[in-house]
Amino acid sequence: MKHLTFILILLFGVTSCIETTTPPKNIILFIGDGMGVSQISAAKIVKGSLNLEQFPVSGLLSTHSADALITDSAAAGTALATGHKTNNGMISLLP
């Protein structure tokens, strides 16, 4: 399944870490595979408001594989986990 992956990253506890010197007890990372601004906008049109709008911190990350602009989930997951891009169809292997 190939699709342009925009990965929505939502971090809990980051604002408490910024406001105080105490590190957060837990950080929860939500990865919406294939969920981009278009999908969030469509959900808001259907539902009205979304719970993810209540999160204090959110971010967007756009990544592509080393060999194509359209990436698959394996290459996107590898980029998130290791910090290195890989080819489509490869998991945690350098091209």
Foldseek 3Di string as FASTA:
>chain_A
DWAFWKWKWAWAQPVVVVVDVDGDPDIDTDTDGRDDPVNVVVVCVVPVDDPVVVGPDIDIDGDDAPPDNIEDPQQVVQCVPPVDHDHHPDHVDHD
